[in-house]
């Protein structure tokens, strides 16, 4: 990777959250930005997530505010809530189209796209970016059971990076995570 390489980051928030939760670590987004900046000249860092419209306070709001004030372009849309046939409440909030459109619009201005997602739906987006001359790195994991990365996406990417290789560079201090979990558990009613 060249320091003059123009890099854009596209983070599928729900997918990254699922991967890090499974691997039991938290992302330090300040460290993540620093790591990506060491790969080249960061043009843009996007973070995509759906939010529940009727939640007055969502636990993701503080993260989104922090990201928005600290160099990320946060892209959200309202999740749809519905009740399935067995009476369970389900949330649907897919951000694939938003990520794909932004990546393709930015393609003429970047040399490398870094996609944090293992979702196989992005395989065609990766192909399209490659046809435009963009090198695509996909970051997800094979370490979870089952793996979070779709095999076709991993094969299509120019480079697959298992997020476990980056934990030391972008992970939050495990003691900070343990303290946060302890405080959360203490605040729960018995």
Foldseek 3Di string as FASTA:
>chain_A
DDQAFEEEEEEAQVQLVVQCVLVVFAFPVVLVVVVVNVVYPYPAYEYEDEDAPPDPDDPCVVVQVVQVVPGHHYHYYHWDWDADPVGDIDTHGDCVVVRLVVCLVCLVPGQEYEYEFQDPVCLVSLVNSVVSNHQYEYEAAPPGVNGRHDPSNCVSHNHYDYCVVCCVRTTDDVVVVVVVVVVVVVPDDD
